[in-house]
Amino acid sequence: MNYKVRLLTTSEKIIPFSVMKSLSDKIKLTSGTDQLWERIEIIGTGDTLLSTLGRDLVEPESGGETTLKELGRKI
């Protein structure tokens, strides 16, 4: 079983995937680009998928805003 984690942020600053990859060989880019990554997989021992990390910018009319509304939050 793996976990899904969503990073909701109002900041447009993105840590490039290559910087994160330099810190661990246990992550894999699965959606987006180095500068604008959207989804990363975190891999455990034996190449087992532990978790996926999705990034959503929260701004008016965005997917991140929709998610916050579903959770009962306002931006």
C-alpha atoms as a PDB file:
ATOM      1  CA  MET A   1       0.000   0.000   0.000  1.00  0.00           C
ATOM      2  CA  ASN A   2       1.246   3.477  -0.788  1.00  0.00           C
ATOM      3  CA  TYR A   3       0.161   6.916   0.332  1.00  0.00           C
ATOM      4  CA  LYS A   4      -0.817   9.921  -1.728  1.00  0.00           C
ATOM      5  CA  VAL A   5       0.348  13.308  -0.452  1.00  0.00           C
ATOM      6  CA  ARG A   6      -0.702  16.621  -1.994  1.00  0.00           C
ATOM      7  CA  LEU A   7       1.323  19.744  -1.504  1.00  0.00           C
ATOM      8  CA  LEU A   8      -0.975  22.775  -1.622  1.00  0.00           C
ATOM      9  CA  THR A   9       0.878  26.073  -1.736  1.00  0.00           C
ATOM     10  CA  THR A  10       0.219  29.711  -2.507  1.00  0.00           C
ATOM     11  CA  SER A  11       3.888  30.192  -3.369  1.00  0.00           C
ATOM     12  CA  GLU A  12       4.897  30.070  -7.007  1.00  0.00           C
ATOM     13  CA  LYS A  13       8.479  29.224  -5.962  1.00  0.00           C
ATOM     14  CA  ILE A  14       9.270  25.615  -6.868  1.00  0.00           C
ATOM     15  CA  ILE A  15      12.315  23.643  -5.780  1.00  0.00           C
ATOM     16  CA  PRO A  16      13.541  22.037  -9.019  1.00  0.00           C
ATOM     17  CA  PHE A  17      13.250  18.260  -9.105  1.00  0.00           C
ATOM     18  CA  SER A  18      16.975  17.976  -9.897  1.00  0.00           C
ATOM     19  CA  VAL A  19      17.801  19.610  -6.544  1.00  0.00           C
ATOM     20  CA  MET A  20      15.605  17.131  -4.678  1.00  0.00           C
ATOM     21  CA  LYS A  21      16.996  14.227  -6.704  1.00  0.00           C
ATOM     22  CA  SER A  22      20.541  15.233  -5.731  1.00  0.00           C
ATOM     23  CA  LEU A  23      19.555  14.597  -2.092  1.00  0.00           C
ATOM     24  CA  SER A  24      18.073  11.134  -2.626  1.00  0.00           C
ATOM     25  CA  ASP A  25      18.063   8.475  -5.304  1.00  0.00           C
ATOM     26  CA  LYS A  26      14.759   7.175  -3.909  1.00  0.00           C
ATOM     27  CA  ILE A  27      12.542   9.646  -5.775  1.00  0.00           C
ATOM     28  CA  LYS A  28      11.336   9.641  -9.360  1.00  0.00           C
ATOM     29  CA  LEU A  29       9.715  12.379 -11.458  1.00  0.00           C
ATOM     30  CA  THR A  30       6.499  11.015 -12.985  1.00  0.00           C
ATOM     31  CA  SER A  31       4.698  14.148 -14.190  1.00  0.00           C
ATOM     32  CA  GLY A  32       5.814  17.618 -15.233  1.00  0.00           C
ATOM     33  CA  THR A  33       9.298  18.974 -15.842  1.00  0.00           C
ATOM     34  CA  ASP A  34      12.355  19.598 -13.681  1.00  0.00           C
ATOM     35  CA  GLN A  35      11.325  23.218 -13.090  1.00  0.00           C
ATOM     36  CA  LEU A  36       7.541  22.622 -12.977  1.00  0.00           C
ATOM     37  CA  TRP A  37       7.132  19.153 -11.508  1.00  0.00           C
ATOM     38  CA  GLU A  38       3.602  17.984 -10.776  1.00  0.00           C
ATOM     39  CA  ARG A  39       4.080  14.477  -9.392  1.00  0.00           C
ATOM     40  CA  ILE A  40       6.949  12.629  -7.720  1.00  0.00           C
ATOM     41  CA  GLU A  41       7.088   9.019  -6.568  1.00  0.00           C
ATOM     42  CA  ILE A  42       8.969   8.062  -3.398  1.00  0.00           C
ATOM     43  CA  ILE A  43      10.487   4.587  -3.648  1.00  0.00           C
ATOM     44  CA  GLY A  44      11.423   2.256  -0.792  1.00  0.00           C
ATOM     45  CA  THR A  45      13.539  -0.864  -0.580  1.00  0.00           C
ATOM     46  CA  GLY A  46      13.043  -3.382  -3.343  1.00  0.00           C
ATOM     47  CA  ASP A  47      11.666  -0.644  -5.611  1.00  0.00           C
ATOM     48  CA  THR A  48       8.410  -0.588  -3.622  1.00  0.00           C
ATOM     49  CA  LEU A  49       6.305   2.526  -4.169  1.00  0.00           C
ATOM     50  CA  LEU A  50       5.901   4.173  -0.753  1.00  0.00           C
ATOM     51  CA  SER A  51       4.136   7.390  -1.675  1.00  0.00           C
ATOM     52  CA  THR A  52       3.298   9.826  -4.425  1.00  0.00           C
ATOM     53  CA  LEU A  53       3.670  13.574  -3.946  1.00  0.00           C
ATOM     54  CA  GLY A  54       1.534  15.893  -6.045  1.00  0.00           C
ATOM     55  CA  ARG A  55       2.043  19.664  -6.228  1.00  0.00           C
ATOM     56  CA  ASP A  56      -0.920  22.005  -6.715  1.00  0.00           C
ATOM     57  CA  LEU A  57      -0.636  25.787  -6.795  1.00  0.00           C
ATOM     58  CA  VAL A  58      -3.448  27.419  -4.828  1.00  0.00           C
ATOM     59  CA  GLU A  59      -4.768  30.509  -6.556  1.00  0.00           C
ATOM     60  CA  PRO A  60      -8.239  31.606  -7.674  1.00  0.00           C
ATOM     61  CA  GLU A  61      -9.851  29.189 -10.148  1.00  0.00           C
ATOM     62  CA  SER A  62      -7.118  26.539  -9.725  1.00  0.00           C
ATOM     63  CA  GLY A  63      -7.176  22.854  -8.889  1.00  0.00           C
ATOM     64  CA  GLY A  64      -5.595  23.701  -5.554  1.00  0.00           C
ATOM     65  CA  GLU A  65      -8.421  26.105  -4.753  1.00  0.00           C
ATOM     66  CA  THR A  66     -10.955  23.416  -5.610  1.00  0.00           C
ATOM     67  CA  THR A  67      -9.230  20.977  -3.270  1.00  0.00           C
ATOM     68  CA  LEU A  68      -9.258  23.510  -0.416  1.00  0.00           C
ATOM     69  CA  LYS A  69     -12.955  24.167  -0.978  1.00  0.00           C
ATOM     70  CA  GLU A  70     -13.600  20.415  -0.805  1.00  0.00           C
ATOM     71  CA  LEU A  71     -11.759  20.411   2.528  1.00  0.00           C
ATOM     72  CA  GLY A  72     -13.869  23.357   3.758  1.00  0.00           C
ATOM     73  CA  ARG A  73     -11.056  25.937   3.658  1.00  0.00           C
ATOM     74  CA  LYS A  74     -10.875  29.363   2.061  1.00  0.00           C
ATOM     75  CA  ILE A  75      -7.822  31.029   0.521  1.00  0.00           C
END
